[in-house]
Amino acid sequence: MSGESPIFTQTYDLLHFLLPLAGQFPRTHRSGMARRMPEVAFELQRLLLRAAKRPDSGPELLREADAALAELRILARLARDLQLLSFAQYEEISRRSAEIGRLLGGWLRRIDTLSRAPAPG
């Protein structure tokens, strides 16, 4: 993973942390929370990768990624409120998602700045 942008490393690390946790959820939550949290995290990763590969549609994809990150945060909070996650696990997910949010916000600001820059000539 060396040489990649930090946002991709952070997203991978979040997935690596989430997947084993979701597998430990009680059976009553496996078809809901245990399935949905990793799905949203994978969607976040997919949107970020697509935005990197398709700069022309980057801003739109990054806004979708931001919405996926917001959904993941809500799911983590709900999982904590349902006592599916310990406080330490919730805190770790929150820390990782906050870092991804900072990186995503920086990426969006950079694209907005570049799109407003005057054309050379």
C-alpha atoms as a PDB file:
ATOM      1  CA  MET A   1       0.000   0.000   0.000  1.00  0.00           C
ATOM      2  CA  SER A   2       3.051   2.249  -0.010  1.00  0.00           C
ATOM      3  CA  GLY A   3       2.901   5.180  -2.395  1.00  0.00           C
ATOM      4  CA  GLU A   4      -0.884   5.426  -2.213  1.00  0.00           C
ATOM      5  CA  SER A   5      -2.733   8.485  -1.088  1.00  0.00           C
ATOM      6  CA  PRO A   6      -3.413   8.395   2.653  1.00  0.00           C
ATOM      7  CA  ILE A   7      -7.179   8.324   2.077  1.00  0.00           C
ATOM      8  CA  PHE A   8      -6.916   4.929   0.384  1.00  0.00           C
ATOM      9  CA  THR A   9      -4.749   3.565   3.176  1.00  0.00           C
ATOM     10  CA  GLN A  10      -7.153   4.904   5.814  1.00  0.00           C
ATOM     11  CA  THR A  11     -10.171   3.438   4.020  1.00  0.00           C
ATOM     12  CA  TYR A  12      -8.469   0.059   3.698  1.00  0.00           C
ATOM     13  CA  ASP A  13      -7.551   0.136   7.391  1.00  0.00           C
ATOM     14  CA  LEU A  14     -11.149   0.987   8.316  1.00  0.00           C
ATOM     15  CA  LEU A  15     -12.423  -1.974   6.289  1.00  0.00           C
ATOM     16  CA  HIS A  16      -9.787  -4.222   7.842  1.00  0.00           C
ATOM     17  CA  PHE A  17     -11.021  -3.145  11.271  1.00  0.00           C
ATOM     18  CA  LEU A  18     -14.755  -3.390  10.481  1.00  0.00           C
ATOM     19  CA  LEU A  19     -14.968  -6.776   8.798  1.00  0.00           C
ATOM     20  CA  PRO A  20     -13.996  -8.915  11.812  1.00  0.00           C
ATOM     21  CA  LEU A  21     -16.249  -6.816  14.068  1.00  0.00           C
ATOM     22  CA  ALA A  22     -19.261  -7.309  11.835  1.00  0.00           C
ATOM     23  CA  GLY A  23     -18.683 -11.051  11.928  1.00  0.00           C
ATOM     24  CA  GLN A  24     -19.002 -10.956  15.720  1.00  0.00           C
ATOM     25  CA  PHE A  25     -22.416  -9.277  15.784  1.00  0.00           C
ATOM     26  CA  PRO A  26     -25.203 -11.413  17.240  1.00  0.00           C
ATOM     27  CA  ARG A  27     -27.245 -13.504  14.827  1.00  0.00           C
ATOM     28  CA  THR A  28     -30.226 -11.162  15.200  1.00  0.00           C
ATOM     29  CA  HIS A  29     -28.190  -8.341  13.614  1.00  0.00           C
ATOM     30  CA  ARG A  30     -26.228 -10.274  10.975  1.00  0.00           C
ATOM     31  CA  SER A  31     -28.680  -9.643   8.160  1.00  0.00           C
ATOM     32  CA  GLY A  32     -28.903  -5.937   8.995  1.00  0.00           C
ATOM     33  CA  MET A  33     -26.088  -4.125  10.749  1.00  0.00           C
ATOM     34  CA  ALA A  34     -23.413  -6.771  10.217  1.00  0.00           C
ATOM     35  CA  ARG A  35     -24.081  -6.701   6.484  1.00  0.00           C
ATOM     36  CA  ARG A  36     -24.763  -2.992   6.006  1.00  0.00           C
ATOM     37  CA  MET A  37     -21.711  -1.511   7.745  1.00  0.00           C
ATOM     38  CA  PRO A  38     -19.153  -3.315   5.534  1.00  0.00           C
ATOM     39  CA  GLU A  39     -21.300  -2.671   2.436  1.00  0.00           C
ATOM     40  CA  VAL A  40     -21.209   1.070   3.073  1.00  0.00           C
ATOM     41  CA  ALA A  41     -17.463   0.977   3.787  1.00  0.00           C
ATOM     42  CA  PHE A  42     -16.855  -0.931   0.528  1.00  0.00           C
ATOM     43  CA  GLU A  43     -19.025   1.599  -1.332  1.00  0.00           C
ATOM     44  CA  LEU A  44     -16.962   4.422   0.175  1.00  0.00           C
ATOM     45  CA  GLN A  45     -13.776   2.750  -1.029  1.00  0.00           C
ATOM     46  CA  ARG A  46     -15.249   2.128  -4.491  1.00  0.00           C
ATOM     47  CA  LEU A  47     -16.345   5.755  -4.886  1.00  0.00           C
ATOM     48  CA  LEU A  48     -12.919   7.059  -3.844  1.00  0.00           C
ATOM     49  CA  LEU A  49     -11.167   4.751  -6.306  1.00  0.00           C
ATOM     50  CA  ARG A  50     -13.506   5.790  -9.116  1.00  0.00           C
ATOM     51  CA  ALA A  51     -12.972   9.477  -8.302  1.00  0.00           C
ATOM     52  CA  ALA A  52      -9.211   8.993  -8.529  1.00  0.00           C
ATOM     53  CA  LYS A  53      -9.489   7.223 -11.885  1.00  0.00           C
ATOM     54  CA  ARG A  54     -12.066   9.593 -13.403  1.00  0.00           C
ATOM     55  CA  PRO A  55     -11.080  13.185 -12.634  1.00  0.00           C
ATOM     56  CA  ASP A  56     -13.856  14.557 -14.873  1.00  0.00           C
ATOM     57  CA  SER A  57     -16.505  13.167 -12.532  1.00  0.00           C
ATOM     58  CA  GLY A  58     -14.373  13.436  -9.388  1.00  0.00           C
ATOM     59  CA  PRO A  59     -16.373  16.095  -7.514  1.00  0.00           C
ATOM     60  CA  GLU A  60     -19.651  14.229  -7.945  1.00  0.00           C
ATOM     61  CA  LEU A  61     -18.122  10.925  -6.849  1.00  0.00           C
ATOM     62  CA  LEU A  62     -16.413  12.567  -3.876  1.00  0.00           C
ATOM     63  CA  ARG A  63     -19.724  14.032  -2.729  1.00  0.00           C
ATOM     64  CA  GLU A  64     -21.250  10.547  -2.954  1.00  0.00           C
ATOM     65  CA  ALA A  65     -18.288   9.237  -0.952  1.00  0.00           C
ATOM     66  CA  ASP A  66     -18.946  11.920   1.655  1.00  0.00           C
ATOM     67  CA  ALA A  67     -22.570  10.762   1.903  1.00  0.00           C
ATOM     68  CA  ALA A  68     -21.408   7.144   2.302  1.00  0.00           C
ATOM     69  CA  LEU A  69     -19.039   8.232   5.074  1.00  0.00           C
ATOM     70  CA  ALA A  70     -21.895  10.040   6.831  1.00  0.00           C
ATOM     71  CA  GLU A  71     -24.031   6.893   6.583  1.00  0.00           C
ATOM     72  CA  LEU A  72     -21.198   4.800   7.996  1.00  0.00           C
ATOM     73  CA  ARG A  73     -20.892   7.163  10.957  1.00  0.00           C
ATOM     74  CA  ILE A  74     -24.622   6.852  11.670  1.00  0.00           C
ATOM     75  CA  LEU A  75     -24.456   3.063  11.425  1.00  0.00           C
ATOM     76  CA  ALA A  76     -21.521   2.972  13.832  1.00  0.00           C
ATOM     77  CA  ARG A  77     -23.397   5.151  16.297  1.00  0.00           C
ATOM     78  CA  LEU A  78     -26.458   2.953  16.025  1.00  0.00           C
ATOM     79  CA  ALA A  79     -24.328  -0.168  16.504  1.00  0.00           C
ATOM     80  CA  ARG A  80     -22.876   1.394  19.645  1.00  0.00           C
ATOM     81  CA  ASP A  81     -26.318   2.365  20.947  1.00  0.00           C
ATOM     82  CA  LEU A  82     -27.497  -1.219  20.346  1.00  0.00           C
ATOM     83  CA  GLN A  83     -24.417  -2.402  22.256  1.00  0.00           C
ATOM     84  CA  LEU A  84     -23.068  -4.243  19.223  1.00  0.00           C
ATOM     85  CA  LEU A  85     -19.810  -2.313  19.574  1.00  0.00           C
ATOM     86  CA  SER A  86     -17.839  -1.522  22.683  1.00  0.00           C
ATOM     87  CA  PHE A  87     -17.055   2.093  23.384  1.00  0.00           C
ATOM     88  CA  ALA A  88     -13.422   1.487  22.360  1.00  0.00           C
ATOM     89  CA  GLN A  89     -14.503  -0.061  19.050  1.00  0.00           C
ATOM     90  CA  TYR A  90     -16.881   2.816  18.362  1.00  0.00           C
ATOM     91  CA  GLU A  91     -14.159   5.292  19.275  1.00  0.00           C
ATOM     92  CA  GLU A  92     -11.754   3.626  16.835  1.00  0.00           C
ATOM     93  CA  ILE A  93     -14.295   3.706  13.997  1.00  0.00           C
ATOM     94  CA  SER A  94     -15.036   7.352  14.806  1.00  0.00           C
ATOM     95  CA  ARG A  95     -11.345   8.253  14.805  1.00  0.00           C
ATOM     96  CA  ARG A  96     -10.736   6.518  11.491  1.00  0.00           C
ATOM     97  CA  SER A  97     -13.824   7.992   9.847  1.00  0.00           C
ATOM     98  CA  ALA A  98     -12.893  11.480  11.079  1.00  0.00           C
ATOM     99  CA  GLU A  99      -9.468  11.148   9.459  1.00  0.00           C
ATOM    100  CA  ILE A 100     -11.044   9.941   6.206  1.00  0.00           C
ATOM    101  CA  GLY A 101     -13.429  12.899   6.400  1.00  0.00           C
ATOM    102  CA  ARG A 102     -10.536  15.355   6.779  1.00  0.00           C
ATOM    103  CA  LEU A 103      -8.723  13.828   3.814  1.00  0.00           C
ATOM    104  CA  LEU A 104     -11.905  13.765   1.727  1.00  0.00           C
ATOM    105  CA  GLY A 105     -12.637  17.403   2.569  1.00  0.00           C
ATOM    106  CA  GLY A 106      -9.129  18.388   1.531  1.00  0.00           C
ATOM    107  CA  TRP A 107      -9.512  16.532  -1.760  1.00  0.00           C
ATOM    108  CA  LEU A 108     -12.823  18.290  -2.444  1.00  0.00           C
ATOM    109  CA  ARG A 109     -11.358  21.713  -1.618  1.00  0.00           C
ATOM    110  CA  ARG A 110      -8.407  21.078  -3.930  1.00  0.00           C
ATOM    111  CA  ILE A 111     -10.726  20.097  -6.801  1.00  0.00           C
ATOM    112  CA  ASP A 112     -12.924  23.150  -6.188  1.00  0.00           C
ATOM    113  CA  THR A 113      -9.850  25.412  -6.178  1.00  0.00           C
ATOM    114  CA  LEU A 114      -8.558  23.884  -9.406  1.00  0.00           C
ATOM    115  CA  SER A 115     -11.950  24.208 -11.098  1.00  0.00           C
ATOM    116  CA  ARG A 116     -12.103  27.926 -10.214  1.00  0.00           C
ATOM    117  CA  ALA A 117      -8.555  28.684 -11.343  1.00  0.00           C
ATOM    118  CA  PRO A 118      -8.369  30.870 -14.458  1.00  0.00           C
ATOM    119  CA  ALA A 119      -7.466  29.075 -17.649  1.00  0.00           C
ATOM    120  CA  PRO A 120      -3.839  29.595 -18.707  1.00  0.00           C
ATOM    121  CA  GLY A 121      -3.317  31.757 -21.668  1.00  0.00           C
END
